[in-house]
Amino acid sequence: MGKYVVKMQKESGEPKRILYIYENFEPKRLVHLDLQSSSLRHLWTGTKHLPSLCKLDIYYSKRLIRTPEFTGMQNLEYLDLQGCTSLEEVHPSLGCCRKLVQLNLRDCGRLKRFPCVNVESVECLQLDGCYSLEKFPEILGTMKLELDIKMSSSIIQQQVRLTELDLGGMRKLFSIPRSIGMLKGLVKQNVSYCSKLERLPDEIGDLENLEEFHARRTLISRPPSSIIRLNKLKYLSFKKYKSEHGVCFVFPQVNEGLHSLKTLDLSYCNLVNGGLSEDIGCLYSLKRLYLTGNNFEHLPRRIAQLGALRSLDLSHCNRLKELPGFTGMPNLDTLNLSYCNLIYGGLPEDIGYLSSLKRLYLGGNNFEHLSIGQLGALRSLDLRYCKRLTHLPEFPQQLDTIHADWSNDLICNSLFQHISSLQHDISTSDSVSLRVFTTWHLMKNIPSWFHHQGAGTSVSINLPENWCVCDNFLGFAVCYSGRLIDARVSQAHLISYDGMSRITKTLALSNHSEYSPESAVHFLLVPFAGLWDTSKANGKTPNDYGNIRLFSSREMEFGLRLLYKDEVV
């Protein structure tokens, strides 16, 4: 006879109503017992001899209070208890299952106690959602994913397969055992949202293969100094939440350790002066440093030695009195100084050394003016909520994305003043090349500064009499919404009052933003010098033309304004 597989299914998808299993149920050739979504409170009492059973599925049996004994299931490899929301305890005999490979206890929200599992083979143990777990046992073994295991020392030394340990969200977990250091194969560990976890054991430094350590939203304030021995570590986060208050965080001295660290996130950790060691500059591989929302007034001077740094976030550090030097950061491409209480000129003189800087965030500061023209690689600038700023800075040549207060007419005037000065018309008889600037995060798509507004695949504006004042008229300021990849203004037509003459130009838009969401708004200036073509005017003057029409590749919102020099100077 072959081996049995018992699988209880209901084609309608309704919950199963398995109320009991006969006491004499003991098929010795049973391989797979599937009781998912049953109404059982317990499977059976006493010991069942199921020597061939490899897989036991009881998941989403929401009334299950306790598991059966496992003594007679010595070949059990897979046990799935996910979603057994009434389960409070796993029978301690589970330690007899020495071939257990996978144990799923996900979302067993009432589980309080977990047995000592004495196995050599466990690769995957899922515990996320076990919010009531009161004590996390010794971790002695190797598993592939989330884990809570106890083993004897003789077995630990054989366990090399565990690569990931996910304990995230265990809100009652307050400590991690010292024996974690024996998990030599661990590559990734997550203790994020363990809101009572206050400290890490020194043995964390023994995890010689660890590459990622996630500890967001914990109570950890002083990582052990042994953490610097993790020379394969690439990602390290102790990020808190901005509304949390606690003791000051202290990061240990680097002592030329953490050779491979690329990302360090200490956001909202209540770092004060001295919270970062002076030798932080020894993190020679560091590419991303997040220090958002901390309380220091100055940073270690050697932070300027982080030559590999690509991204530095100091946003919401509103007690910061002095910015770090930037001369030693030639690779920095993203700098966030939003809400840092910057005033007057705002930026240090040596910011010009950031020759690779592409993205600069300065929102929420108090400066009245600033200079960024020396940042030749800059592509994106954020100046939102800078309430004292009434004039945009000189634009670097590569800038194509700018966020500012577009409800302020002075800011809009300033924008088009810069666009006008940057506009180098590349005109042929039929086309004109234009620079496009992009923004988003607007309360309303089209700023009110644009007098003429509409929607559709084209917009037609009747021009006032004598609209073209020689030496004063600059052109047509245009605004439109949509993603640049599939929405763009394509043509401009200037039509005479009598309808007999028309000047048509194809608009070749350049300098498109790297990123453009659906809510993006784009600004451009159609210069009069690029639009007017005397050879096609049929002897007419500009003021003989009384209508301008713009055409787009798809339906969008438009805004248009006639722009004069005396408005933007």
Protein backbone atom coordinates (compact mmCIF):
# COMPACT_ATOMS: atom_id res chain seq x y z
CA MET A 1 0.00 0.00 0.00
CA GLY A 2 1.08 3.56 -0.68
CA LYS A 3 1.32 6.26 1.89
CA TYR A 4 -1.79 8.25 2.75
CA VAL A 5 -2.38 11.96 2.24
CA VAL A 6 -5.35 13.43 4.11
CA LYS A 7 -6.45 16.84 2.87
CA MET A 8 -9.72 18.40 4.01
CA GLN A 9 -11.01 20.83 1.37
CA LYS A 10 -14.21 22.70 0.69
CA GLU A 11 -14.67 23.88 -2.87
CA SER A 12 -16.97 26.73 -1.88
CA GLY A 13 -14.14 28.43 -0.03
CA GLU A 14 -16.14 28.45 3.23
CA PRO A 15 -14.32 27.76 6.50
CA LYS A 16 -14.01 24.09 7.28
CA ARG A 17 -16.09 22.67 10.11
CA ILE A 18 -13.85 19.84 11.28
CA LEU A 19 -15.03 19.43 14.84
CA TYR A 20 -13.10 16.36 15.99
CA ILE A 21 -10.74 13.60 14.96
CA TYR A 22 -11.48 10.04 16.08
CA GLU A 23 -9.30 8.85 18.92
CA ASN A 24 -8.29 5.76 16.94
CA PHE A 25 -7.08 7.94 14.05
CA GLU A 26 -3.49 6.73 13.68
CA PRO A 27 -2.59 5.97 10.04
CA LYS A 28 1.05 4.93 10.09
CA ARG A 29 1.59 5.75 6.39
CA LEU A 30 0.11 9.23 6.54
CA VAL A 31 2.49 11.73 4.92
CA HIS A 32 0.52 14.99 4.84
CA LEU A 33 -2.30 16.01 7.20
CA ASP A 34 -4.06 19.18 6.06
CA LEU A 35 -6.52 20.63 8.59
CA GLN A 36 -6.31 24.27 7.55
CA SER A 37 -9.13 26.61 8.64
CA SER A 38 -10.67 23.95 10.89
CA SER A 39 -12.82 24.66 13.94
CA LEU A 40 -10.84 22.31 16.19
CA ARG A 41 -9.85 23.47 19.67
CA HIS A 42 -7.34 20.64 19.93
CA LEU A 43 -6.42 17.83 17.54
CA TRP A 44 -6.24 14.93 19.98
CA THR A 45 -5.09 14.06 23.46
CA GLY A 46 -2.10 11.93 24.27
CA THR A 47 0.43 10.63 21.78
CA LYS A 48 -0.35 9.61 18.20
CA HIS A 49 2.17 7.45 16.38
CA LEU A 50 2.43 8.98 12.92
CA PRO A 51 5.93 7.86 11.90
CA SER A 52 5.56 8.82 8.21
CA LEU A 53 4.02 12.26 8.75
CA CYS A 54 6.16 14.91 7.06
CA LYS A 55 3.80 17.84 6.82
CA LEU A 56 1.12 19.08 9.23
CA ASP A 57 -1.00 22.08 8.15
CA ILE A 58 -3.31 23.57 10.77
CA TYR A 59 -3.09 27.19 9.68
CA TYR A 60 -6.00 29.58 10.22
CA SER A 61 -7.63 27.20 12.70
CA LYS A 62 -8.66 30.17 14.77
CA ARG A 63 -10.14 28.17 17.67
CA LEU A 64 -7.09 26.01 18.22
CA ILE A 65 -5.89 26.49 21.80
CA ARG A 66 -3.02 24.01 21.97
CA THR A 67 -1.04 21.79 19.67
CA PRO A 68 -0.87 18.01 20.05
CA GLU A 69 2.11 16.12 21.37
CA PHE A 70 4.79 15.60 18.74
CA THR A 71 6.53 12.60 20.27
CA GLY A 72 5.19 10.20 17.64
CA MET A 73 6.04 12.47 14.68
CA GLN A 74 9.78 12.01 14.53
CA ASN A 75 9.85 12.62 10.74
CA LEU A 76 7.85 15.86 10.78
CA GLU A 77 9.47 18.43 8.48
CA TYR A 78 6.83 21.14 8.01
CA LEU A 79 4.49 22.51 10.68
CA ASP A 80 2.23 25.43 9.72
CA LEU A 81 0.27 27.16 12.49
CA GLN A 82 -0.09 30.57 10.86
CA GLY A 83 -3.16 32.52 11.90
CA CYS A 84 -4.09 30.25 14.83
CA THR A 85 -5.12 33.30 16.77
CA SER A 86 -6.23 31.45 19.94
CA LEU A 87 -3.03 29.42 20.27
CA GLU A 88 -1.19 30.19 23.51
CA GLU A 89 1.44 27.48 23.70
CA VAL A 90 3.28 25.04 21.46
CA HIS A 91 3.75 21.65 23.10
CA PRO A 92 7.32 21.25 24.40
CA SER A 93 7.59 17.83 22.74
CA LEU A 94 8.23 19.68 19.47
CA GLY A 95 11.88 19.32 20.44
CA CYS A 96 11.62 15.65 19.48
CA CYS A 97 11.14 16.57 15.81
CA ARG A 98 14.79 16.53 14.81
CA LYS A 99 13.99 16.73 11.09
CA LEU A 100 11.87 19.87 11.34
CA VAL A 101 12.76 22.23 8.49
CA GLN A 102 10.03 24.87 8.58
CA LEU A 103 7.84 26.15 11.41
CA ASN A 104 5.33 28.92 10.74
CA LEU A 105 3.77 30.67 13.74
CA ARG A 106 3.00 33.92 11.98
CA ASP A 107 0.10 35.96 13.42
CA CYS A 108 -0.36 33.68 16.43
CA GLY A 109 -1.21 36.76 18.42
CA ARG A 110 -1.87 35.01 21.76
CA LEU A 111 1.22 32.82 21.74
CA LYS A 112 2.98 33.43 25.06
CA ARG A 113 5.41 30.56 25.42
CA PHE A 114 7.61 28.83 22.93
CA PRO A 115 9.30 25.47 23.52
CA CYS A 116 12.99 24.66 23.47
CA VAL A 117 13.38 23.20 20.02
CA ASN A 118 16.34 20.86 19.95
CA VAL A 119 16.87 20.29 16.25
CA GLU A 120 19.65 20.40 13.74
CA SER A 121 17.68 21.00 10.58
CA VAL A 122 15.44 24.05 11.06
CA GLU A 123 15.83 26.51 8.20
CA CYS A 124 12.76 28.72 8.49
CA LEU A 125 10.87 29.88 11.58
CA GLN A 126 8.30 32.65 11.18
CA LEU A 127 7.31 34.56 14.29
CA ASP A 128 6.18 37.94 12.99
CA GLY A 129 2.84 38.92 14.48
CA CYS A 130 3.45 36.99 17.73
CA TYR A 131 2.82 40.11 19.76
CA SER A 132 2.15 38.35 23.10
CA LEU A 133 5.38 36.36 23.22
CA GLU A 134 6.71 37.03 26.72
CA LYS A 135 10.13 35.45 26.55
CA PHE A 136 12.38 34.82 23.64
CA PRO A 137 14.37 31.63 24.28
CA GLU A 138 17.99 31.04 23.54
CA ILE A 139 18.81 31.24 19.83
CA LEU A 140 21.06 28.30 19.24
CA GLY A 141 20.87 27.06 15.71
CA THR A 142 20.52 27.86 12.10
CA MET A 143 17.38 28.74 10.30
CA LYS A 144 16.68 30.53 7.09
CA LEU A 145 14.15 33.15 8.14
CA GLU A 146 12.40 34.30 11.33
CA LEU A 147 13.56 32.45 14.42
CA ASP A 148 13.14 31.49 18.09
CA ILE A 149 15.09 28.33 18.91
CA LYS A 150 17.04 26.71 21.74
CA MET A 151 19.64 24.02 21.14
CA SER A 152 22.54 22.41 22.93
CA SER A 153 26.05 23.75 22.31
CA SER A 154 27.14 20.59 20.54
CA ILE A 155 24.47 21.13 17.91
CA ILE A 156 25.03 24.88 17.55
CA GLN A 157 28.46 24.38 16.08
CA GLN A 158 26.93 22.39 13.22
CA GLN A 159 24.38 25.08 12.37
CA VAL A 160 25.66 27.20 9.49
CA ARG A 161 22.61 27.64 7.26
CA LEU A 162 20.78 30.45 9.08
CA THR A 163 21.08 33.63 7.02
CA GLU A 164 18.11 35.77 8.18
CA LEU A 165 16.62 36.39 11.61
CA ASP A 166 13.43 38.47 11.63
CA LEU A 167 12.04 39.35 15.06
CA GLY A 168 10.36 42.54 13.90
CA GLY A 169 7.23 43.71 15.73
CA MET A 170 7.61 41.64 18.91
CA ARG A 171 6.35 44.36 21.21
CA LYS A 172 6.98 42.42 24.43
CA LEU A 173 10.51 41.34 23.59
CA PHE A 174 12.89 43.09 25.98
CA SER A 175 16.16 41.21 25.50
CA ILE A 176 18.10 39.07 23.06
CA PRO A 177 20.16 36.19 24.48
CA ARG A 178 23.94 36.29 24.43
CA SER A 179 23.97 33.04 22.52
CA ILE A 180 22.94 34.89 19.37
CA GLY A 181 26.64 35.32 18.73
CA MET A 182 26.86 31.64 17.83
CA LEU A 183 24.81 32.13 14.67
CA LYS A 184 27.91 32.57 12.57
CA GLY A 185 26.08 32.30 9.25
CA LEU A 186 23.64 35.13 9.97
CA VAL A 187 23.56 37.72 7.17
CA LYS A 188 20.47 39.78 8.04
CA GLN A 189 18.84 40.52 11.39
CA ASN A 190 15.72 42.56 12.10
CA VAL A 191 14.56 43.66 15.55
CA SER A 192 12.64 46.72 14.35
CA TYR A 193 9.46 47.71 16.24
CA CYS A 194 10.47 45.63 19.27
CA SER A 195 9.37 48.58 21.36
CA LYS A 196 10.66 47.24 24.71
CA LEU A 197 14.08 46.14 23.50
CA GLU A 198 16.64 48.30 25.34
CA ARG A 199 19.99 46.69 24.68
CA LEU A 200 21.96 44.31 22.55
CA PRO A 201 24.37 41.71 23.92
CA ASP A 202 28.09 42.20 23.36
CA GLU A 203 28.06 38.94 21.46
CA ILE A 204 26.35 40.71 18.56
CA GLY A 205 29.87 41.55 17.47
CA ASP A 206 30.56 37.84 16.88
CA LEU A 207 28.20 37.72 13.89
CA GLU A 208 31.09 37.84 11.49
CA ASN A 209 28.96 37.44 8.34
CA LEU A 210 26.23 39.94 9.24
CA GLU A 211 25.51 42.40 6.41
CA GLU A 212 22.24 44.05 7.55
CA PHE A 213 21.03 45.00 11.02
CA HIS A 214 17.62 46.68 11.31
CA ALA A 215 16.70 48.09 14.74
CA ARG A 216 14.16 50.84 14.00
CA ARG A 217 11.75 51.96 16.73
CA THR A 218 13.43 50.19 19.65
CA LEU A 219 14.66 51.57 23.00
CA ILE A 220 18.28 50.85 22.18
CA SER A 221 20.34 53.95 23.00
CA ARG A 222 23.86 52.56 23.42
CA PRO A 223 24.85 49.87 20.94
CA PRO A 224 27.67 47.72 22.33
CA SER A 225 31.17 48.69 21.24
CA SER A 226 31.56 45.18 19.83
CA ILE A 227 29.34 46.23 16.93
CA ILE A 228 32.34 47.83 15.24
CA ARG A 229 33.77 44.34 14.69
CA LEU A 230 31.06 43.64 12.11
CA ASN A 231 33.33 44.26 9.16
CA LYS A 232 30.91 42.78 6.63
CA LEU A 233 28.03 44.96 7.80
CA LYS A 234 26.63 47.10 4.98
CA TYR A 235 23.38 48.45 6.48
CA LEU A 236 22.78 49.62 10.07
CA SER A 237 19.66 51.39 11.33
CA PHE A 238 18.63 52.52 14.82
CA LYS A 239 16.07 55.01 13.47
CA LYS A 240 13.47 56.22 15.98
CA TYR A 241 10.15 57.96 15.40
CA LYS A 242 10.03 61.75 15.51
CA SER A 243 7.52 61.91 18.37
CA GLU A 244 9.54 59.59 20.61
CA HIS A 245 11.55 61.06 23.47
CA GLY A 246 14.16 59.19 25.42
CA VAL A 247 17.74 59.09 26.56
CA CYS A 248 20.45 60.44 24.34
CA PHE A 249 21.82 57.99 21.81
CA VAL A 250 25.56 57.34 21.77
CA PHE A 251 27.21 55.65 18.82
CA PRO A 252 30.41 53.80 19.78
CA GLN A 253 33.85 54.83 18.61
CA VAL A 254 34.56 53.42 15.20
CA ASN A 255 38.20 52.55 15.84
CA GLU A 256 38.62 51.87 12.12
CA GLY A 257 36.01 49.10 12.25
CA LEU A 258 32.83 48.63 10.20
CA HIS A 259 34.94 48.50 7.05
CA SER A 260 32.03 47.67 4.70
CA LEU A 261 29.29 49.90 6.16
CA LYS A 262 27.47 51.72 3.35
CA THR A 263 24.27 52.94 5.06
CA LEU A 264 23.93 54.29 8.61
CA ASP A 265 20.52 55.56 9.77
CA LEU A 266 20.41 57.32 13.15
CA SER A 267 17.35 59.49 12.45
CA TYR A 268 15.47 60.87 15.48
CA CYS A 269 17.86 59.12 17.88
CA ASN A 270 18.20 62.19 20.14
CA LEU A 271 21.85 62.57 19.28
CA VAL A 272 23.44 65.55 21.03
CA ASN A 273 26.97 66.93 20.92
CA GLY A 274 29.32 64.00 21.39
CA GLY A 275 26.73 61.41 20.39
CA LEU A 276 28.78 60.69 17.30
CA SER A 277 32.41 59.89 17.93
CA GLU A 278 35.12 62.10 16.42
CA ASP A 279 36.44 59.17 14.40
CA ILE A 280 33.19 58.84 12.40
CA GLY A 281 35.30 59.88 9.44
CA CYS A 282 36.92 56.43 9.52
CA LEU A 283 33.83 54.92 7.89
CA TYR A 284 35.55 55.05 4.53
CA SER A 285 32.92 52.93 2.73
CA LEU A 286 29.90 54.91 3.99
CA LYS A 287 27.65 56.12 1.17
CA ARG A 288 24.42 57.11 2.98
CA LEU A 289 24.24 58.85 6.37
CA TYR A 290 20.80 59.72 7.77
CA LEU A 291 20.83 61.99 10.84
CA THR A 292 17.34 63.49 10.53
CA GLY A 293 15.72 65.09 13.58
CA ASN A 294 18.62 65.04 16.03
CA ASN A 295 19.56 67.63 18.65
CA PHE A 296 23.28 68.25 18.17
CA GLU A 297 24.56 71.79 17.65
CA HIS A 298 27.60 70.71 15.69
CA LEU A 299 28.97 67.56 14.11
CA PRO A 300 32.38 65.93 14.47
CA ARG A 301 34.85 67.73 12.22
CA ARG A 302 36.12 64.46 10.80
CA ILE A 303 32.73 63.82 9.24
CA ALA A 304 34.14 65.86 6.36
CA GLN A 305 36.49 62.93 5.64
CA LEU A 306 33.67 60.67 4.45
CA GLY A 307 34.94 60.73 0.91
CA ALA A 308 32.66 57.93 -0.36
CA LEU A 309 29.48 59.59 0.97
CA ARG A 310 26.72 59.93 -1.64
CA SER A 311 23.77 61.05 0.52
CA LEU A 312 23.71 63.12 3.73
CA ASP A 313 20.41 63.88 5.50
CA LEU A 314 20.49 66.51 8.26
CA SER A 315 16.86 67.60 7.89
CA HIS A 316 14.97 68.76 11.00
CA CYS A 317 18.21 69.20 12.96
CA ASN A 318 16.97 72.64 14.00
CA ARG A 319 19.56 73.13 16.76
CA LEU A 320 22.42 72.81 14.32
CA LYS A 321 24.55 75.95 14.50
CA GLU A 322 27.36 74.94 12.20
CA LEU A 323 27.31 72.82 9.08
CA PRO A 324 30.10 70.34 8.47
CA GLY A 325 32.82 71.08 5.96
CA PHE A 326 32.15 69.71 2.51
CA THR A 327 35.62 69.84 1.00
CA GLY A 328 36.21 66.12 1.59
CA MET A 329 32.93 64.91 0.06
CA PRO A 330 33.51 65.00 -3.71
CA ASN A 331 31.01 62.18 -4.36
CA LEU A 332 28.04 63.64 -2.45
CA ASP A 333 25.04 63.77 -4.81
CA THR A 334 22.16 64.29 -2.32
CA LEU A 335 22.16 66.77 0.57
CA ASN A 336 19.10 67.40 2.76
CA LEU A 337 19.27 70.50 4.97
CA SER A 338 15.51 71.07 5.27
CA TYR A 339 14.30 72.67 8.52
CA CYS A 340 17.81 73.25 9.84
CA ASN A 341 17.04 76.85 10.84
CA LEU A 342 19.42 78.21 8.23
CA ILE A 343 19.36 82.00 8.01
CA TYR A 344 20.86 84.83 5.94
CA GLY A 345 23.07 83.35 3.21
CA GLY A 346 22.30 79.92 4.56
CA LEU A 347 25.05 77.79 3.06
CA PRO A 348 28.78 77.64 3.80
CA GLU A 349 31.19 78.91 1.18
CA ASP A 350 32.77 75.51 0.63
CA ILE A 351 29.49 74.02 -0.64
CA GLY A 352 30.90 74.77 -4.07
CA TYR A 353 33.27 71.84 -3.58
CA LEU A 354 30.31 69.48 -3.98
CA SER A 355 30.98 68.99 -7.65
CA SER A 356 28.75 65.88 -7.85
CA LEU A 357 25.73 67.29 -6.01
CA LYS A 358 22.50 66.63 -7.94
CA ARG A 359 19.77 67.03 -5.31
CA LEU A 360 19.66 69.77 -2.66
CA TYR A 361 16.80 70.04 -0.14
CA LEU A 362 16.58 73.38 1.69
CA GLY A 363 12.85 73.59 2.52
CA GLY A 364 11.59 75.17 5.74
CA ASN A 365 14.59 77.43 6.35
CA ASN A 366 14.71 81.14 7.17
CA PHE A 367 17.23 82.55 4.75
CA GLU A 368 16.34 85.54 2.59
CA HIS A 369 18.83 84.76 -0.15
CA LEU A 370 21.39 82.12 -1.08
CA SER A 371 23.87 81.32 -3.78
CA ILE A 372 24.07 77.94 -5.52
CA GLY A 373 25.29 78.93 -8.96
CA GLN A 374 28.61 77.16 -8.35
CA LEU A 375 26.87 73.75 -8.05
CA GLY A 376 27.33 72.84 -11.67
CA ALA A 377 25.86 69.31 -11.44
CA LEU A 378 22.70 70.29 -9.52
CA ARG A 379 19.50 68.91 -11.07
CA SER A 380 16.90 69.30 -8.30
CA LEU A 381 16.36 72.06 -5.73
CA ASP A 382 13.71 72.12 -2.97
CA LEU A 383 12.90 75.54 -1.46
CA ARG A 384 9.38 74.90 -0.19
CA TYR A 385 8.22 76.67 2.99
CA CYS A 386 11.12 79.17 2.91
CA LYS A 387 8.81 82.00 3.93
CA ARG A 388 11.40 84.79 3.88
CA LEU A 389 12.66 83.92 0.44
CA THR A 390 11.30 86.29 -2.19
CA HIS A 391 13.79 85.66 -4.96
CA LEU A 392 15.09 82.40 -6.35
CA PRO A 393 18.86 81.93 -6.49
CA GLU A 394 20.84 81.88 -9.70
CA PHE A 395 20.19 78.60 -11.49
CA PRO A 396 23.04 76.18 -12.18
CA GLN A 397 23.17 75.13 -15.82
CA GLN A 398 21.89 71.55 -15.23
CA LEU A 399 18.96 72.43 -12.94
CA ASP A 400 15.62 71.11 -14.22
CA THR A 401 13.52 70.44 -11.08
CA ILE A 402 12.67 73.11 -8.55
CA HIS A 403 10.14 73.11 -5.71
CA ALA A 404 9.13 76.45 -4.22
CA ASP A 405 6.13 78.50 -3.05
CA TRP A 406 4.41 79.02 -6.39
CA SER A 407 1.54 80.86 -4.72
CA ASN A 408 3.99 83.73 -4.24
CA ASP A 409 3.96 85.95 -7.33
CA LEU A 410 7.47 87.20 -6.55
CA ILE A 411 8.78 83.64 -6.72
CA CYS A 412 7.07 83.06 -10.07
CA ASN A 413 8.51 86.31 -11.41
CA SER A 414 11.93 85.24 -10.21
CA LEU A 415 11.59 81.84 -11.87
CA PHE A 416 10.94 83.30 -15.28
CA GLN A 417 13.62 85.91 -14.85
CA HIS A 418 16.10 83.05 -14.51
CA ILE A 419 14.54 81.06 -17.33
CA SER A 420 14.84 84.10 -19.55
CA SER A 421 18.50 84.57 -18.70
CA LEU A 422 19.25 80.88 -19.27
CA GLN A 423 17.28 80.60 -22.49
CA HIS A 424 19.65 80.13 -25.39
CA ASP A 425 17.36 79.87 -28.37
CA ILE A 426 18.28 77.21 -30.86
CA SER A 427 15.93 78.24 -33.62
CA THR A 428 15.44 77.03 -37.12
CA SER A 429 12.75 78.12 -39.53
CA ASP A 430 10.30 75.63 -38.03
CA SER A 431 11.30 74.89 -34.43
CA VAL A 432 12.66 76.39 -31.23
CA SER A 433 14.50 74.55 -28.46
CA LEU A 434 13.25 75.34 -24.96
CA ARG A 435 14.32 74.47 -21.43
CA VAL A 436 11.70 72.92 -19.17
CA PHE A 437 11.58 73.17 -15.38
CA THR A 438 9.49 70.74 -13.34
CA THR A 439 7.83 70.84 -9.93
CA TRP A 440 5.17 68.95 -7.97
CA HIS A 441 3.63 68.96 -4.45
CA LEU A 442 1.29 71.77 -5.51
CA MET A 443 -2.01 72.44 -3.74
CA LYS A 444 -3.38 73.41 -7.14
CA ASN A 445 -1.88 72.32 -10.43
CA ILE A 446 -1.60 75.70 -12.12
CA PRO A 447 -0.41 78.68 -10.01
CA SER A 448 -2.69 81.73 -10.06
CA TRP A 449 0.21 83.84 -11.40
CA PHE A 450 -0.73 82.49 -14.84
CA HIS A 451 -3.61 84.76 -15.89
CA HIS A 452 -4.93 82.55 -18.68
CA GLN A 453 -5.83 78.99 -17.69
CA GLY A 454 -7.63 76.11 -19.32
CA ALA A 455 -7.63 72.39 -20.05
CA GLY A 456 -7.58 70.22 -23.12
CA THR A 457 -5.21 69.26 -25.91
CA SER A 458 -4.87 72.91 -26.91
CA VAL A 459 -5.26 76.34 -25.41
CA SER A 460 -6.18 79.49 -27.34
CA ILE A 461 -5.54 82.96 -25.92
CA ASN A 462 -6.75 86.21 -27.45
CA LEU A 463 -4.01 88.79 -27.15
CA PRO A 464 -4.71 92.39 -26.05
CA GLU A 465 -4.10 95.31 -28.36
CA ASN A 466 -0.49 96.41 -28.62
CA TRP A 467 0.60 93.44 -26.57
CA CYS A 468 4.07 93.42 -28.09
CA VAL A 469 6.05 96.34 -26.66
CA CYS A 470 9.45 96.52 -28.31
CA ASP A 471 12.42 95.86 -26.00
CA ASN A 472 10.06 94.98 -23.14
CA PHE A 473 8.12 91.89 -24.20
CA LEU A 474 10.06 88.70 -23.38
CA GLY A 475 7.66 86.00 -24.48
CA PHE A 476 4.93 83.66 -23.28
CA ALA A 477 5.34 82.05 -19.86
CA VAL A 478 3.73 78.62 -20.06
CA CYS A 479 2.74 76.11 -17.39
CA TYR A 480 1.19 72.69 -17.94
CA SER A 481 0.57 69.52 -15.93
CA GLY A 482 1.26 65.82 -16.43
CA ARG A 483 4.12 63.36 -16.71
CA LEU A 484 6.81 64.49 -19.10
CA ILE A 485 7.14 61.00 -20.53
CA ASP A 486 3.67 61.18 -22.09
CA ALA A 487 2.62 64.85 -21.95
CA ARG A 488 4.32 67.81 -23.55
CA VAL A 489 3.55 71.03 -25.35
CA SER A 490 4.39 70.37 -28.98
CA GLN A 491 3.47 73.43 -31.09
CA ALA A 492 2.80 77.15 -30.85
CA HIS A 493 0.74 79.04 -33.44
CA LEU A 494 0.63 82.82 -33.68
CA ILE A 495 -2.47 83.87 -35.67
CA SER A 496 -3.26 87.29 -37.10
CA TYR A 497 -6.44 89.18 -36.23
CA ASP A 498 -7.80 88.67 -39.74
CA GLY A 499 -6.98 84.97 -39.67
CA MET A 500 -5.05 85.22 -42.91
CA SER A 501 -1.55 84.78 -41.47
CA ARG A 502 -0.17 82.14 -39.15
CA ILE A 503 3.33 81.57 -37.75
CA THR A 504 3.86 78.00 -36.53
CA LYS A 505 6.75 76.72 -34.44
CA THR A 506 7.48 73.21 -33.21
CA LEU A 507 8.62 73.30 -29.57
CA ALA A 508 11.58 71.03 -28.87
CA LEU A 509 11.63 70.61 -25.09
CA SER A 510 14.93 69.79 -23.43
CA ASN A 511 16.39 69.21 -19.95
CA HIS A 512 13.60 66.91 -18.81
CA SER A 513 13.52 66.02 -15.14
CA GLU A 514 14.85 62.60 -14.07
CA TYR A 515 11.55 61.92 -12.27
CA SER A 516 8.13 63.23 -13.19
CA PRO A 517 4.96 62.01 -11.41
CA GLU A 518 1.45 62.37 -12.77
CA SER A 519 0.94 65.46 -10.60
CA ALA A 520 4.02 67.22 -11.98
CA VAL A 521 3.78 70.74 -13.35
CA HIS A 522 6.20 72.07 -15.94
CA PHE A 523 7.32 75.62 -16.68
CA LEU A 524 8.78 76.96 -19.89
CA LEU A 525 9.20 80.25 -21.68
CA VAL A 526 8.37 80.57 -25.37
CA PRO A 527 10.56 83.59 -26.19
CA PHE A 528 9.22 86.10 -28.62
CA ALA A 529 12.55 86.11 -30.47
CA GLY A 530 12.23 82.39 -31.10
CA LEU A 531 8.57 82.53 -32.10
CA TRP A 532 8.50 85.57 -34.37
CA ASP A 533 9.50 84.90 -37.95
CA THR A 534 9.60 88.02 -40.13
CA SER A 535 9.86 85.94 -43.30
CA LYS A 536 6.44 84.44 -42.61
CA ALA A 537 4.74 87.54 -41.28
CA ASN A 538 3.40 88.64 -44.71
CA GLY A 539 4.38 92.22 -44.04
CA LYS A 540 2.52 92.34 -40.74
CA THR A 541 3.87 93.53 -37.38
CA PRO A 542 3.63 91.45 -34.17
CA ASN A 543 0.70 93.56 -32.97
CA ASP A 544 -1.23 92.51 -36.08
CA TYR A 545 -1.38 89.04 -34.53
CA GLY A 546 -4.15 88.68 -31.98
CA ASN A 547 -4.19 85.02 -30.98
CA ILE A 548 -1.74 82.41 -29.73
CA ARG A 549 -2.54 78.70 -29.62
CA LEU A 550 -0.55 75.97 -27.90
CA PHE A 551 -1.01 72.31 -28.78
CA SER A 552 -0.05 69.28 -26.67
CA SER A 553 0.33 65.54 -27.14
CA ARG A 554 -2.50 64.78 -24.72
CA GLU A 555 -5.17 66.50 -22.64
CA MET A 556 -3.74 68.54 -19.80
CA GLU A 557 -4.18 71.68 -17.73
CA PHE A 558 -2.59 74.84 -19.12
CA GLY A 559 -1.54 78.21 -17.79
CA LEU A 560 -0.17 81.12 -19.83
CA ARG A 561 1.01 84.64 -19.10
CA LEU A 562 2.50 87.37 -21.25
CA LEU A 563 5.89 88.17 -19.75
CA TYR A 564 7.51 91.61 -19.76
CA LYS A 565 10.96 92.70 -18.61
CA ASP A 566 9.67 95.27 -16.15
CA GLU A 567 7.80 92.48 -14.30
CA VAL A 568 10.78 90.27 -13.63
CA VAL A 569 13.67 92.69 -13.17
